[in-house]
Amino acid sequence: MDATAQDILNALNNKEFSSEISTEGEKVPASTASIKDQYKIIASFTTKTTSNELRNTNVRLAAEAVNGTVLQPGEEFSFNGVVGQRTAEKGYKAAAAYNQGEVVEEVGGGICQISSTLYNAVFRSGLTTTYRRSHTFAPNYVTPGTDATVSWPGPDFKFVNDSKHAIGIRAWYSNQTATVQTYGIPVLPSGVKWELESEKIKDLPVPAVQVITPQQGKESNGSAGSEWQAYKIITKDGKTEKVKDHYVSYKGHTPKKYSANAVESSSAAESTAASSAASMESKASETKAQESKTQSTTKASENPVVSNDGPVGNNSVPTTEADVISGGPGT
């Protein structure tokens, strides 16, 4: 080793930075079993989904895109970079999602469940989150304050593998559950464990009522907003420490109500439409009756009823001397 060190020093002094230095050493075989034993599930987190099949399809596709990702030491993970844009061509469905603070139907709606589940697994692994944003409204599949919203092209969810070894990610959807695991050599020191918890600090007032017309949608009661404090729970050698991690504020849903004028206008319009329909139906009936009467009169004119017995036979209509009715040919 001394000779090798001297060769390196000489190369540096001579500014021969591309020099090749030969050295001799002894190969020490690594134990496959010992290496394998070091690799394990570092952290795992599972969330429950809804029964909405379209949303669950999106959750499954996002999980499949994340599954199998391997991050080398120092490499940063980007959810949008790995999953890519959510499109109908990739099989993603239109489902409820948040867009600019409103609930809308959006292709890929629901995939935030995978980014949030991943965030919880990453946090418990001891890895460093480099970019995360909470939803506009409080989620119901994780405790508010422990979510990570994503959209295309942003916001994104990112974290870095700041460990000395490669980290693998497993993710899957099954039977209305989404699970994400990190796999590799543990990042935190032996005996140290991290958990993520969140507590509600207070409720916020329900937003002011928005007056709408029936044409703009249905009425809704709205909901209160809320503020939450998230904590990192550190367990070490049997002792627990609670450290503030981040603070989150969620908006409440805006109540939507019809105005009295809108309801009256709507009722008046419905009444007018009903009256118009009834009037049209009445006119149609009158026209039909008139047509029927006209047809009957026309048929009577074309085919008069004349008794075969002549004017003095069994004709029940009385005749006078002024009535001149021919007896027909031969009379």
Protein backbone atom coordinates (compact mmCIF):
# COMPACT_ATOMS: atom_id res chain seq x y z
CA MET A 1 0.00 0.00 0.00
CA ASP A 2 2.90 2.35 0.69
CA ALA A 3 4.21 1.85 -2.85
CA THR A 4 0.76 2.53 -4.30
CA ALA A 5 0.41 5.69 -2.26
CA GLN A 6 3.80 6.92 -3.46
CA ASP A 7 2.85 6.22 -7.11
CA ILE A 8 -0.32 8.27 -6.71
CA LEU A 9 1.61 11.13 -5.07
CA ASN A 10 4.20 11.15 -7.87
CA ALA A 11 1.46 11.27 -10.51
CA LEU A 12 -0.19 14.23 -8.78
CA ASN A 13 3.13 16.09 -8.44
CA ASN A 14 3.82 15.53 -12.15
CA LYS A 15 0.24 16.61 -13.01
CA GLU A 16 -0.33 13.27 -14.68
CA PHE A 17 -4.01 13.21 -13.76
CA SER A 18 -4.90 10.52 -16.31
CA SER A 19 -2.18 8.11 -15.24
CA GLU A 20 -3.02 4.52 -14.47
CA ILE A 21 -1.71 3.23 -11.16
CA SER A 22 -1.24 -0.49 -10.70
CA THR A 23 -1.56 -2.09 -7.32
CA GLU A 24 -1.73 -5.51 -5.80
CA GLY A 25 -4.21 -6.74 -3.30
CA GLU A 26 -6.15 -9.70 -2.02
CA LYS A 27 -9.71 -10.42 -3.15
CA VAL A 28 -12.11 -11.04 -0.29
CA PRO A 29 -15.24 -12.90 -1.41
CA ALA A 30 -18.48 -11.36 -0.21
CA SER A 31 -21.08 -13.55 1.35
CA THR A 32 -24.25 -13.50 -0.75
CA ALA A 33 -26.23 -14.45 2.32
CA SER A 34 -24.80 -11.60 4.40
CA ILE A 35 -25.59 -9.01 1.71
CA LYS A 36 -29.09 -10.35 1.21
CA ASP A 37 -29.75 -10.23 4.93
CA GLN A 38 -29.10 -6.49 4.96
CA TYR A 39 -31.77 -5.78 2.37
CA LYS A 40 -35.28 -5.64 3.77
CA ILE A 41 -38.53 -3.71 3.72
CA ILE A 42 -37.54 -0.37 5.20
CA ALA A 43 -41.06 1.07 5.50
CA SER A 44 -44.58 0.19 4.36
CA PHE A 45 -47.81 2.19 4.25
CA THR A 46 -51.34 1.22 3.15
CA THR A 47 -54.45 3.34 2.49
CA LYS A 48 -58.06 2.42 1.70
CA THR A 49 -59.65 3.50 -1.58
CA THR A 50 -63.31 3.99 -2.49
CA SER A 51 -65.56 1.62 -4.42
CA ASN A 52 -65.41 3.88 -7.50
CA GLU A 53 -64.07 1.62 -10.27
CA LEU A 54 -62.89 4.50 -12.48
CA ARG A 55 -60.92 6.08 -9.64
CA ASN A 56 -59.49 2.70 -8.62
CA THR A 57 -58.29 2.16 -12.18
CA ASN A 58 -56.29 5.39 -11.92
CA VAL A 59 -54.89 4.38 -8.53
CA ARG A 60 -53.81 1.00 -9.94
CA LEU A 61 -52.13 2.50 -13.02
CA ALA A 62 -50.21 5.04 -10.93
CA ALA A 63 -49.07 2.28 -8.56
CA GLU A 64 -47.90 0.16 -11.49
CA ALA A 65 -45.92 3.11 -12.88
CA VAL A 66 -44.13 3.69 -9.55
CA ASN A 67 -43.55 -0.01 -8.81
CA GLY A 68 -40.04 -1.24 -9.47
CA THR A 69 -38.37 2.20 -9.34
CA VAL A 70 -34.77 2.07 -8.08
CA LEU A 71 -33.02 5.18 -6.79
CA GLN A 72 -29.25 5.27 -6.58
CA PRO A 73 -27.56 7.20 -3.75
CA GLY A 74 -28.08 10.93 -4.28
CA GLU A 75 -30.78 10.42 -6.94
CA GLU A 76 -34.03 12.41 -6.66
CA PHE A 77 -37.45 10.86 -7.28
CA SER A 78 -40.11 12.89 -9.12
CA PHE A 79 -43.66 11.50 -9.13
CA ASN A 80 -44.55 13.30 -12.35
CA GLY A 81 -41.26 12.28 -13.89
CA VAL A 82 -41.84 8.60 -13.13
CA VAL A 83 -45.60 8.35 -13.71
CA GLY A 84 -45.75 10.83 -16.58
CA GLN A 85 -48.80 12.68 -17.84
CA ARG A 86 -52.06 10.91 -17.08
CA THR A 87 -53.94 10.44 -20.37
CA ALA A 88 -56.86 8.42 -21.72
CA GLU A 89 -54.42 6.73 -24.13
CA LYS A 90 -52.62 5.24 -21.12
CA GLY A 91 -55.90 3.92 -19.73
CA TYR A 92 -56.57 6.62 -17.15
CA LYS A 93 -60.23 7.43 -16.52
CA ALA A 94 -62.11 10.63 -15.72
CA ALA A 95 -62.77 10.78 -11.97
CA ALA A 96 -63.23 13.41 -9.27
CA ALA A 97 -60.18 15.60 -8.68
CA TYR A 98 -59.28 19.05 -7.38
CA ASN A 99 -58.41 21.70 -9.95
CA GLN A 100 -57.77 25.30 -8.85
CA GLY A 101 -59.74 24.74 -5.68
CA GLU A 102 -62.77 23.17 -7.37
CA VAL A 103 -63.96 19.57 -7.56
CA VAL A 104 -63.98 18.52 -11.22
CA GLU A 105 -63.98 15.41 -13.35
CA GLU A 106 -60.40 14.96 -14.54
CA VAL A 107 -58.55 12.20 -16.38
CA GLY A 108 -56.38 10.53 -13.75
CA GLY A 109 -58.46 11.72 -10.79
CA GLY A 110 -57.52 9.86 -7.61
CA ILE A 111 -53.80 9.28 -8.24
CA CYS A 112 -52.94 11.57 -5.32
CA GLN A 113 -53.75 8.55 -3.17
CA ILE A 114 -50.59 6.88 -4.50
CA SER A 115 -48.42 10.00 -4.07
CA SER A 116 -49.75 10.42 -0.50
CA THR A 117 -49.24 6.75 0.33
CA LEU A 118 -45.71 6.98 -1.09
CA TYR A 119 -45.01 10.12 0.97
CA ASN A 120 -45.94 8.31 4.18
CA ALA A 121 -43.68 5.36 3.33
CA VAL A 122 -40.80 7.67 2.37
CA PHE A 123 -41.15 9.69 5.58
CA ARG A 124 -41.02 6.57 7.75
CA SER A 125 -37.95 5.38 5.83
CA GLY A 126 -35.93 8.36 6.99
CA LEU A 127 -35.47 9.72 3.46
CA THR A 128 -35.61 13.47 2.76
CA THR A 129 -38.64 14.98 1.02
CA THR A 130 -37.55 17.81 -1.26
CA TYR A 131 -40.95 18.99 -2.54
CA ARG A 132 -44.46 18.34 -1.24
CA ARG A 133 -47.75 20.22 -1.20
CA SER A 134 -50.99 19.47 0.59
CA HIS A 135 -54.40 19.43 -1.09
CA THR A 136 -56.67 22.47 -1.22
CA PHE A 137 -59.33 20.50 0.67
CA ALA A 138 -58.72 17.94 3.42
CA PRO A 139 -58.36 14.35 2.11
CA ASN A 140 -60.18 11.39 3.62
CA TYR A 141 -57.83 8.50 2.74
CA VAL A 142 -55.02 9.77 4.97
CA THR A 143 -55.05 11.96 8.07
CA PRO A 144 -55.13 15.60 6.92
CA GLY A 145 -51.63 17.00 7.11
CA THR A 146 -50.03 13.76 5.88
CA ASP A 147 -51.00 14.07 2.20
CA ALA A 148 -49.02 14.92 -0.95
CA THR A 149 -51.02 16.29 -3.85
CA VAL A 150 -49.88 16.02 -7.47
CA SER A 151 -51.16 17.31 -10.78
CA TRP A 152 -49.80 17.69 -14.30
CA PRO A 153 -47.42 19.40 -14.88
CA GLY A 154 -47.38 20.48 -11.23
CA PRO A 155 -47.42 20.39 -8.29
CA ASP A 156 -45.11 17.40 -7.99
CA PHE A 157 -43.94 15.17 -5.14
CA LYS A 158 -40.18 14.70 -4.83
CA PHE A 159 -37.72 13.10 -2.44
CA VAL A 160 -34.04 12.21 -2.56
CA ASN A 161 -32.20 9.03 -1.71
CA ASP A 162 -29.67 10.55 0.68
CA SER A 163 -28.51 7.14 1.92
CA LYS A 164 -25.36 5.30 0.87
CA HIS A 165 -27.20 2.50 -0.89
CA ALA A 166 -29.77 2.00 -3.64
CA ILE A 167 -33.43 2.16 -2.61
CA GLY A 168 -36.21 0.25 -4.36
CA ILE A 169 -39.94 1.08 -4.40
CA ARG A 170 -42.76 -1.44 -4.47
CA ALA A 171 -46.31 -0.23 -5.09
CA TRP A 172 -49.58 -1.99 -5.86
CA TYR A 173 -53.37 -1.76 -5.71
CA SER A 174 -55.61 -4.66 -4.63
CA ASN A 175 -59.15 -4.97 -3.29
CA GLN A 176 -59.66 -1.27 -2.57
CA THR A 177 -56.27 -0.84 -0.86
CA ALA A 178 -53.13 0.92 -2.06
CA THR A 179 -49.73 -0.08 -0.63
CA VAL A 180 -46.25 1.38 -1.08
CA GLN A 181 -43.04 -0.05 0.37
CA THR A 182 -39.43 1.10 0.32
CA TYR A 183 -36.85 -1.67 0.09
CA GLY A 184 -33.11 -1.76 0.71
CA ILE A 185 -30.61 -1.31 3.51
CA PRO A 186 -32.20 0.67 6.38
CA VAL A 187 -31.49 4.40 6.29
CA LEU A 188 -32.06 5.22 9.96
CA PRO A 189 -29.62 3.98 12.60
CA SER A 190 -30.44 0.70 14.30
CA GLY A 191 -33.07 1.16 17.00
CA VAL A 192 -34.38 4.44 15.55
CA LYS A 193 -37.91 4.73 14.15
CA TRP A 194 -39.85 7.62 12.58
CA GLU A 195 -43.62 8.02 12.44
CA LEU A 196 -45.78 10.80 10.97
CA GLU A 197 -48.80 12.02 12.93
CA SER A 198 -51.10 15.01 12.51
CA GLU A 199 -53.47 16.78 14.88
CA LYS A 200 -56.27 19.22 14.14
CA ILE A 201 -55.58 22.67 15.57
CA LYS A 202 -58.92 24.28 14.78
CA ASP A 203 -61.86 24.44 12.39
CA LEU A 204 -62.20 27.36 10.01
CA PRO A 205 -65.52 29.10 9.17
CA VAL A 206 -67.65 27.74 6.34
CA PRO A 207 -67.13 30.00 3.29
CA ALA A 208 -69.80 32.54 2.30
CA VAL A 209 -72.79 31.19 0.39
CA GLN A 210 -72.56 31.35 -3.38
CA VAL A 211 -75.88 32.15 -5.09
CA ILE A 212 -76.43 30.09 -8.21
CA THR A 213 -79.22 29.35 -10.68
CA PRO A 214 -80.59 25.86 -11.33
CA GLN A 215 -78.79 25.97 -14.68
CA GLN A 216 -75.45 26.32 -12.85
CA GLY A 217 -75.86 23.15 -10.82
CA LYS A 218 -77.32 21.74 -7.62
CA GLU A 219 -77.45 23.25 -4.16
CA SER A 220 -74.89 22.11 -1.54
CA ASN A 221 -74.33 22.78 2.17
CA GLY A 222 -70.59 23.32 1.96
CA SER A 223 -68.12 22.44 4.75
CA ALA A 224 -65.75 24.06 7.22
CA GLY A 225 -62.04 24.40 6.59
CA SER A 226 -59.41 23.25 9.10
CA GLU A 227 -55.81 23.71 10.24
CA TRP A 228 -53.51 20.82 11.18
CA GLN A 229 -50.11 20.39 12.76
CA ALA A 230 -48.01 17.43 11.60
CA TYR A 231 -45.39 15.90 13.89
CA LYS A 232 -42.38 13.65 13.43
CA ILE A 233 -42.50 11.02 16.16
CA ILE A 234 -38.94 9.80 16.81
CA THR A 235 -38.45 6.62 18.82
CA LYS A 236 -34.91 5.83 19.98
CA ASP A 237 -33.83 3.35 22.60
CA GLY A 238 -37.40 3.12 23.90
CA LYS A 239 -37.75 6.88 24.28
CA THR A 240 -40.16 8.94 22.17
CA GLU A 241 -39.72 12.53 21.01
CA LYS A 242 -42.45 14.58 19.31
CA VAL A 243 -41.12 17.21 16.90
CA LYS A 244 -43.15 19.69 14.85
CA ASP A 245 -42.72 18.96 11.14
CA HIS A 246 -45.11 21.13 9.11
CA TYR A 247 -48.38 23.08 9.37
CA VAL A 248 -51.29 22.77 6.93
CA SER A 249 -54.43 24.82 6.29
CA TYR A 250 -57.34 23.42 4.26
CA LYS A 251 -60.16 25.39 2.67
CA GLY A 252 -63.82 24.59 3.29
CA HIS A 253 -66.24 23.82 0.46
CA THR A 254 -68.40 26.78 -0.57
CA PRO A 255 -72.17 26.35 0.08
CA LYS A 256 -74.28 26.84 -3.04
CA LYS A 257 -77.88 28.00 -2.83
CA TYR A 258 -80.56 29.13 -5.27
CA SER A 259 -81.84 32.68 -4.93
CA ALA A 260 -85.60 33.18 -4.37
CA ASN A 261 -85.87 34.93 -7.75
CA ALA A 262 -84.05 32.08 -9.45
CA VAL A 263 -86.47 29.57 -7.94
CA GLU A 264 -89.49 31.70 -8.85
CA SER A 265 -88.16 32.25 -12.36
CA SER A 266 -87.51 28.56 -12.71
CA SER A 267 -91.02 27.72 -11.43
CA ALA A 268 -92.58 30.34 -13.71
CA ALA A 269 -90.64 29.00 -16.66
CA GLU A 270 -91.75 25.46 -15.84
CA SER A 271 -95.38 26.68 -15.45
CA THR A 272 -95.22 28.57 -18.75
CA ALA A 273 -93.73 25.57 -20.47
CA ALA A 274 -96.45 23.33 -19.02
CA SER A 275 -99.22 25.78 -20.04
CA SER A 276 -97.75 26.08 -23.51
CA ALA A 277 -97.60 22.32 -23.83
CA ALA A 278 -101.22 21.99 -22.62
CA SER A 279 -102.37 24.71 -25.04
CA MET A 280 -100.59 23.04 -27.92
CA GLU A 281 -102.11 19.71 -26.93
CA SER A 282 -105.61 21.30 -26.77
CA LYS A 283 -105.19 22.92 -30.18
CA ALA A 284 -103.97 19.64 -31.58
CA SER A 285 -107.08 17.91 -30.20
CA GLU A 286 -109.37 20.59 -31.67
CA THR A 287 -107.66 20.33 -35.02
CA LYS A 288 -107.95 16.57 -34.97
CA ALA A 289 -111.68 16.79 -34.11
CA GLN A 290 -112.27 19.33 -36.88
CA GLU A 291 -110.41 17.15 -39.36
CA SER A 292 -112.54 14.17 -38.28
CA LYS A 293 -115.80 16.17 -38.71
CA THR A 294 -114.71 17.42 -42.11
CA GLN A 295 -113.81 13.93 -43.24
CA SER A 296 -117.23 12.63 -42.10
CA THR A 297 -119.08 15.41 -43.99
CA THR A 298 -117.01 14.80 -47.09
CA LYS A 299 -117.75 11.11 -47.02
CA ALA A 300 -121.49 11.78 -46.57
CA SER A 301 -121.48 14.09 -49.63
CA GLU A 302 -119.66 11.58 -51.76
CA ASN A 303 -121.93 8.69 -50.74
CA PRO A 304 -125.53 9.97 -50.08
CA VAL A 305 -127.96 7.50 -48.54
CA VAL A 306 -131.00 7.03 -50.87
CA SER A 307 -133.82 4.54 -50.22
CA ASN A 308 -134.21 1.88 -52.86
CA ASP A 309 -138.00 2.18 -52.41
CA GLY A 310 -138.24 5.60 -54.01
CA PRO A 311 -140.11 8.63 -52.65
CA VAL A 312 -143.18 6.76 -51.47
CA GLY A 313 -141.62 3.61 -50.14
CA ASN A 314 -140.17 3.14 -46.70
CA ASN A 315 -138.25 6.41 -46.77
CA SER A 316 -138.67 7.87 -43.31
CA VAL A 317 -138.14 11.44 -44.52
CA PRO A 318 -141.55 13.04 -45.40
CA THR A 319 -141.82 14.44 -48.93
CA THR A 320 -143.93 17.19 -50.47
CA GLU A 321 -145.16 17.98 -53.89
CA ALA A 322 -142.10 20.10 -54.46
CA ASP A 323 -139.83 17.11 -54.04
CA VAL A 324 -139.10 15.69 -57.44
CA ILE A 325 -137.17 12.46 -57.22
CA SER A 326 -136.65 10.39 -60.29
CA GLY A 327 -137.59 6.76 -59.99
CA GLY A 328 -134.55 6.04 -62.07
CA PRO A 329 -134.29 4.48 -65.47
CA GLY A 330 -137.44 2.86 -66.76
CA THR A 331 -139.88 5.05 -64.92
